[in-house]
Amino acid sequence: MTEITAAIAHTPIWVWPLFVLVLYLGARNLTERERTPLSLVVLPLVMLGFALVNLVANAADKTLVIPAFIFSFAVGIAIGWNLVPKAVAVDRQHGTIRVPGSFAPLLVVIAIVILRYIIGYSYGRWPELRGDPALALEFSATGALLAGIVWGRIVRIGAIYRRA
């Protein structure tokens, strides 16, 4: 238990408001909401930013990491595409989209927060792991998959908006 307490105690103070913001963005998806297409892109941009940080946060050779990142992001997009609720409604007159509530975005956001914390803790506790190609591959591919899920949802919602 002291290891967990020490990890939390040594977490930089700026991390906590960032976690709260990201969780807030994910929790907004629990209820039906009417949004503009532009406002729906905020969460995917944040998630992509985290995924790119995962990609560059290590000193490992990127020869395998970048293709794995791209592949995982593409798989995530396919998964996210299929997680869009069927009852998405478009109001062209007001330029809005009504999206039913879903737990999927919040679960993905929680997974990304946990992943980022694990990455930060691992690299902070054992700096020599920054050069480990297997760990870099795992962290980058996982972050890309999660970001891809969020992007897949937004791409499908955008396609529904364009077709309406």
C-alpha atoms as a PDB file:
ATOM      1  CA  MET A   1       0.000   0.000   0.000  1.00  0.00           C
ATOM      2  CA  THR A   2       2.901   2.380   0.632  1.00  0.00           C
ATOM      3  CA  GLU A   3       3.926   2.106  -3.033  1.00  0.00           C
ATOM      4  CA  ILE A   4       0.477   3.312  -4.140  1.00  0.00           C
ATOM      5  CA  THR A   5       0.512   6.110  -1.559  1.00  0.00           C
ATOM      6  CA  ALA A   6       3.975   7.166  -2.669  1.00  0.00           C
ATOM      7  CA  ALA A   7       2.915   7.180  -6.325  1.00  0.00           C
ATOM      8  CA  ILE A   8      -0.090   9.387  -5.586  1.00  0.00           C
ATOM      9  CA  ALA A   9       1.924  11.680  -3.308  1.00  0.00           C
ATOM     10  CA  HIS A  10       4.578  12.211  -6.008  1.00  0.00           C
ATOM     11  CA  THR A  11       2.074  12.908  -8.769  1.00  0.00           C
ATOM     12  CA  PRO A  12       2.563  16.486 -10.055  1.00  0.00           C
ATOM     13  CA  ILE A  13      -0.253  18.789  -8.962  1.00  0.00           C
ATOM     14  CA  TRP A  14      -1.131  19.808 -12.537  1.00  0.00           C
ATOM     15  CA  VAL A  15      -2.091  16.202 -13.347  1.00  0.00           C
ATOM     16  CA  TRP A  16      -5.200  16.231 -11.137  1.00  0.00           C
ATOM     17  CA  PRO A  17      -7.039  19.125 -12.870  1.00  0.00           C
ATOM     18  CA  LEU A  18      -6.151  17.576 -16.224  1.00  0.00           C
ATOM     19  CA  PHE A  19      -7.646  14.247 -15.129  1.00  0.00           C
ATOM     20  CA  VAL A  20     -10.776  16.042 -13.920  1.00  0.00           C
ATOM     21  CA  LEU A  21     -11.129  17.865 -17.258  1.00  0.00           C
ATOM     22  CA  VAL A  22     -10.732  14.687 -19.284  1.00  0.00           C
ATOM     23  CA  LEU A  23     -13.192  12.793 -17.071  1.00  0.00           C
ATOM     24  CA  TYR A  24     -15.647  15.691 -17.369  1.00  0.00           C
ATOM     25  CA  LEU A  25     -15.412  15.565 -21.161  1.00  0.00           C
ATOM     26  CA  GLY A  26     -16.083  11.818 -21.064  1.00  0.00           C
ATOM     27  CA  ALA A  27     -18.939  12.112 -18.552  1.00  0.00           C
ATOM     28  CA  ARG A  28     -20.747  14.634 -20.769  1.00  0.00           C
ATOM     29  CA  ASN A  29     -21.443  11.714 -23.091  1.00  0.00           C
ATOM     30  CA  LEU A  30     -23.580   9.889 -20.508  1.00  0.00           C
ATOM     31  CA  THR A  31     -26.666  11.954 -21.269  1.00  0.00           C
ATOM     32  CA  GLU A  32     -28.380  12.814 -24.503  1.00  0.00           C
ATOM     33  CA  ARG A  33     -26.932  16.014 -25.821  1.00  0.00           C
ATOM     34  CA  GLU A  34     -27.395  18.380 -28.687  1.00  0.00           C
ATOM     35  CA  ARG A  35     -24.088  19.694 -29.952  1.00  0.00           C
ATOM     36  CA  THR A  36     -22.569  21.399 -32.915  1.00  0.00           C
ATOM     37  CA  PRO A  37     -20.280  19.220 -35.019  1.00  0.00           C
ATOM     38  CA  LEU A  38     -17.289  21.322 -33.955  1.00  0.00           C
ATOM     39  CA  SER A  39     -17.923  20.842 -30.222  1.00  0.00           C
ATOM     40  CA  LEU A  40     -17.990  17.062 -30.691  1.00  0.00           C
ATOM     41  CA  VAL A  41     -14.371  17.154 -31.871  1.00  0.00           C
ATOM     42  CA  VAL A  42     -12.927  18.461 -28.563  1.00  0.00           C
ATOM     43  CA  LEU A  43     -12.735  15.077 -26.802  1.00  0.00           C
ATOM     44  CA  PRO A  44     -11.242  13.241 -29.819  1.00  0.00           C
ATOM     45  CA  LEU A  45      -8.581  15.950 -30.172  1.00  0.00           C
ATOM     46  CA  VAL A  46      -7.627  15.589 -26.501  1.00  0.00           C
ATOM     47  CA  MET A  47      -7.478  11.789 -26.848  1.00  0.00           C
ATOM     48  CA  LEU A  48      -5.354  12.020 -29.993  1.00  0.00           C
ATOM     49  CA  GLY A  49      -3.027  14.395 -28.154  1.00  0.00           C
ATOM     50  CA  PHE A  50      -2.590  11.837 -25.365  1.00  0.00           C
ATOM     51  CA  ALA A  51      -1.940   9.091 -27.922  1.00  0.00           C
ATOM     52  CA  LEU A  52       0.720  11.185 -29.669  1.00  0.00           C
ATOM     53  CA  VAL A  53       2.355  11.915 -26.305  1.00  0.00           C
ATOM     54  CA  ASN A  54       2.471   8.136 -25.728  1.00  0.00           C
ATOM     55  CA  LEU A  55       4.188   7.796 -29.093  1.00  0.00           C
ATOM     56  CA  VAL A  56       6.925  10.344 -28.455  1.00  0.00           C
ATOM     57  CA  ALA A  57       7.351   9.940 -24.672  1.00  0.00           C
ATOM     58  CA  ASN A  58       9.874   7.168 -25.030  1.00  0.00           C
ATOM     59  CA  ALA A  59      13.379   6.951 -26.401  1.00  0.00           C
ATOM     60  CA  ALA A  60      12.837   3.608 -28.121  1.00  0.00           C
ATOM     61  CA  ASP A  61      13.374   3.100 -31.833  1.00  0.00           C
ATOM     62  CA  LYS A  62      10.161   4.089 -33.624  1.00  0.00           C
ATOM     63  CA  THR A  63      10.605   1.577 -36.481  1.00  0.00           C
ATOM     64  CA  LEU A  64       7.919  -0.744 -35.119  1.00  0.00           C
ATOM     65  CA  VAL A  65       6.158   1.733 -32.867  1.00  0.00           C
ATOM     66  CA  ILE A  66       4.839   4.032 -35.618  1.00  0.00           C
ATOM     67  CA  PRO A  67       3.321   1.246 -37.796  1.00  0.00           C
ATOM     68  CA  ALA A  68       1.765  -0.305 -34.667  1.00  0.00           C
ATOM     69  CA  PHE A  69       0.387   3.114 -33.727  1.00  0.00           C
ATOM     70  CA  ILE A  70      -1.193   3.563 -37.167  1.00  0.00           C
ATOM     71  CA  PHE A  71      -2.608   0.018 -37.217  1.00  0.00           C
ATOM     72  CA  SER A  72      -4.029   0.324 -33.680  1.00  0.00           C
ATOM     73  CA  PHE A  73      -5.547   3.721 -34.474  1.00  0.00           C
ATOM     74  CA  ALA A  74      -7.240   2.230 -37.571  1.00  0.00           C
ATOM     75  CA  VAL A  75      -8.587  -0.723 -35.572  1.00  0.00           C
ATOM     76  CA  GLY A  76      -9.847   1.712 -32.929  1.00  0.00           C
ATOM     77  CA  ILE A  77     -11.646   3.739 -35.610  1.00  0.00           C
ATOM     78  CA  ALA A  78     -13.410   0.572 -36.813  1.00  0.00           C
ATOM     79  CA  ILE A  79     -14.461  -0.279 -33.250  1.00  0.00           C
ATOM     80  CA  GLY A  80     -15.599   3.277 -32.497  1.00  0.00           C
ATOM     81  CA  TRP A  81     -17.555   3.437 -35.754  1.00  0.00           C
ATOM     82  CA  ASN A  82     -19.661   0.521 -34.510  1.00  0.00           C
ATOM     83  CA  LEU A  83     -20.204   2.026 -31.043  1.00  0.00           C
ATOM     84  CA  VAL A  84     -22.301   4.945 -32.290  1.00  0.00           C
ATOM     85  CA  PRO A  85     -25.887   4.721 -31.006  1.00  0.00           C
ATOM     86  CA  LYS A  86     -28.504   4.234 -33.737  1.00  0.00           C
ATOM     87  CA  ALA A  87     -30.648   7.192 -32.658  1.00  0.00           C
ATOM     88  CA  VAL A  88     -28.349  10.027 -33.779  1.00  0.00           C
ATOM     89  CA  ALA A  89     -30.522  12.860 -35.105  1.00  0.00           C
ATOM     90  CA  VAL A  90     -29.434  15.815 -37.200  1.00  0.00           C
ATOM     91  CA  ASP A  91     -31.021  19.267 -37.127  1.00  0.00           C
ATOM     92  CA  ARG A  92     -29.639  20.974 -40.243  1.00  0.00           C
ATOM     93  CA  GLN A  93     -31.649  24.127 -39.604  1.00  0.00           C
ATOM     94  CA  HIS A  94     -29.798  24.782 -36.329  1.00  0.00           C
ATOM     95  CA  GLY A  95     -26.598  22.995 -37.372  1.00  0.00           C
ATOM     96  CA  THR A  96     -26.716  20.563 -34.458  1.00  0.00           C
ATOM     97  CA  ILE A  97     -26.551  16.851 -33.823  1.00  0.00           C
ATOM     98  CA  ARG A  98     -28.538  15.084 -31.093  1.00  0.00           C
ATOM     99  CA  VAL A  99     -26.559  12.150 -29.747  1.00  0.00           C
ATOM    100  CA  PRO A 100     -28.052   9.729 -27.208  1.00  0.00           C
ATOM    101  CA  GLY A 101     -26.094   9.079 -24.029  1.00  0.00           C
ATOM    102  CA  SER A 102     -23.481   6.331 -24.014  1.00  0.00           C
ATOM    103  CA  PHE A 103     -21.038   4.828 -21.524  1.00  0.00           C
ATOM    104  CA  ALA A 104     -18.505   4.007 -24.267  1.00  0.00           C
ATOM    105  CA  PRO A 105     -16.756   7.420 -24.378  1.00  0.00           C
ATOM    106  CA  LEU A 106     -16.493   7.608 -20.587  1.00  0.00           C
ATOM    107  CA  LEU A 107     -15.027   4.091 -20.391  1.00  0.00           C
ATOM    108  CA  VAL A 108     -12.476   4.969 -23.073  1.00  0.00           C
ATOM    109  CA  VAL A 109     -11.568   8.188 -21.255  1.00  0.00           C
ATOM    110  CA  ILE A 110     -11.109   6.313 -17.972  1.00  0.00           C
ATOM    111  CA  ALA A 111      -8.889   3.778 -19.755  1.00  0.00           C
ATOM    112  CA  ILE A 112      -6.785   6.601 -21.232  1.00  0.00           C
ATOM    113  CA  VAL A 113      -6.428   8.318 -17.843  1.00  0.00           C
ATOM    114  CA  ILE A 114      -5.283   5.018 -16.309  1.00  0.00           C
ATOM    115  CA  LEU A 115      -2.897   4.382 -19.216  1.00  0.00           C
ATOM    116  CA  ARG A 116      -1.377   7.869 -18.969  1.00  0.00           C
ATOM    117  CA  TYR A 117      -0.918   7.447 -15.231  1.00  0.00           C
ATOM    118  CA  ILE A 118       0.755   4.067 -15.693  1.00  0.00           C
ATOM    119  CA  ILE A 119       3.056   5.500 -18.353  1.00  0.00           C
ATOM    120  CA  GLY A 120       3.995   8.490 -16.210  1.00  0.00           C
ATOM    121  CA  TYR A 121       4.565   6.351 -13.158  1.00  0.00           C
ATOM    122  CA  SER A 122       6.571   3.711 -15.039  1.00  0.00           C
ATOM    123  CA  TYR A 123       8.849   6.216 -16.752  1.00  0.00           C
ATOM    124  CA  GLY A 124       9.200   8.271 -13.568  1.00  0.00           C
ATOM    125  CA  ARG A 125      10.013   5.290 -11.355  1.00  0.00           C
ATOM    126  CA  TRP A 126      12.191   3.459 -13.865  1.00  0.00           C
ATOM    127  CA  PRO A 127      13.596   6.014 -16.364  1.00  0.00           C
ATOM    128  CA  GLU A 128      15.581   3.299 -18.124  1.00  0.00           C
ATOM    129  CA  LEU A 129      12.267   1.924 -19.468  1.00  0.00           C
ATOM    130  CA  ARG A 130      12.006   4.890 -21.853  1.00  0.00           C
ATOM    131  CA  GLY A 131      14.279   2.998 -24.208  1.00  0.00           C
ATOM    132  CA  ASP A 132      12.459  -0.342 -23.962  1.00  0.00           C
ATOM    133  CA  PRO A 133      11.015  -1.031 -27.443  1.00  0.00           C
ATOM    134  CA  ALA A 134       8.446  -3.583 -26.211  1.00  0.00           C
ATOM    135  CA  LEU A 135       7.037  -1.200 -23.627  1.00  0.00           C
ATOM    136  CA  ALA A 136       7.018   1.677 -26.125  1.00  0.00           C
ATOM    137  CA  LEU A 137       5.138  -0.520 -28.570  1.00  0.00           C
ATOM    138  CA  GLU A 138       2.593  -1.520 -25.941  1.00  0.00           C
ATOM    139  CA  PHE A 139       1.992   1.980 -24.596  1.00  0.00           C
ATOM    140  CA  SER A 140       1.775   3.579 -28.045  1.00  0.00           C
ATOM    141  CA  ALA A 141      -0.473   0.923 -29.559  1.00  0.00           C
ATOM    142  CA  THR A 142      -2.834   0.966 -26.576  1.00  0.00           C
ATOM    143  CA  GLY A 143      -3.101   4.755 -26.594  1.00  0.00           C
ATOM    144  CA  ALA A 144      -3.687   4.767 -30.358  1.00  0.00           C
ATOM    145  CA  LEU A 145      -6.397   2.108 -30.065  1.00  0.00           C
ATOM    146  CA  LEU A 146      -8.250   4.095 -27.407  1.00  0.00           C
ATOM    147  CA  ALA A 147      -7.927   7.361 -29.340  1.00  0.00           C
ATOM    148  CA  GLY A 148      -9.074   5.556 -32.485  1.00  0.00           C
ATOM    149  CA  ILE A 149     -12.250   4.414 -30.728  1.00  0.00           C
ATOM    150  CA  VAL A 150     -13.147   8.015 -29.894  1.00  0.00           C
ATOM    151  CA  TRP A 151     -12.283   9.130 -33.439  1.00  0.00           C
ATOM    152  CA  GLY A 152     -14.312   6.284 -34.974  1.00  0.00           C
ATOM    153  CA  ARG A 153     -17.382   7.497 -33.128  1.00  0.00           C
ATOM    154  CA  ILE A 154     -16.865  11.083 -34.239  1.00  0.00           C
ATOM    155  CA  VAL A 155     -16.173  10.103 -37.863  1.00  0.00           C
ATOM    156  CA  ARG A 156     -19.411   8.088 -38.001  1.00  0.00           C
ATOM    157  CA  ILE A 157     -21.406  10.891 -36.376  1.00  0.00           C
ATOM    158  CA  GLY A 158     -19.861  13.259 -38.944  1.00  0.00           C
ATOM    159  CA  ALA A 159     -20.896  10.899 -41.752  1.00  0.00           C
ATOM    160  CA  ILE A 160     -24.467  10.834 -40.393  1.00  0.00           C
ATOM    161  CA  TYR A 161     -24.428  14.641 -40.255  1.00  0.00           C
ATOM    162  CA  ARG A 162     -23.229  14.923 -43.868  1.00  0.00           C
ATOM    163  CA  ARG A 163     -25.866  12.452 -45.131  1.00  0.00           C
ATOM    164  CA  ALA A 164     -28.742  14.279 -43.436  1.00  0.00           C
END
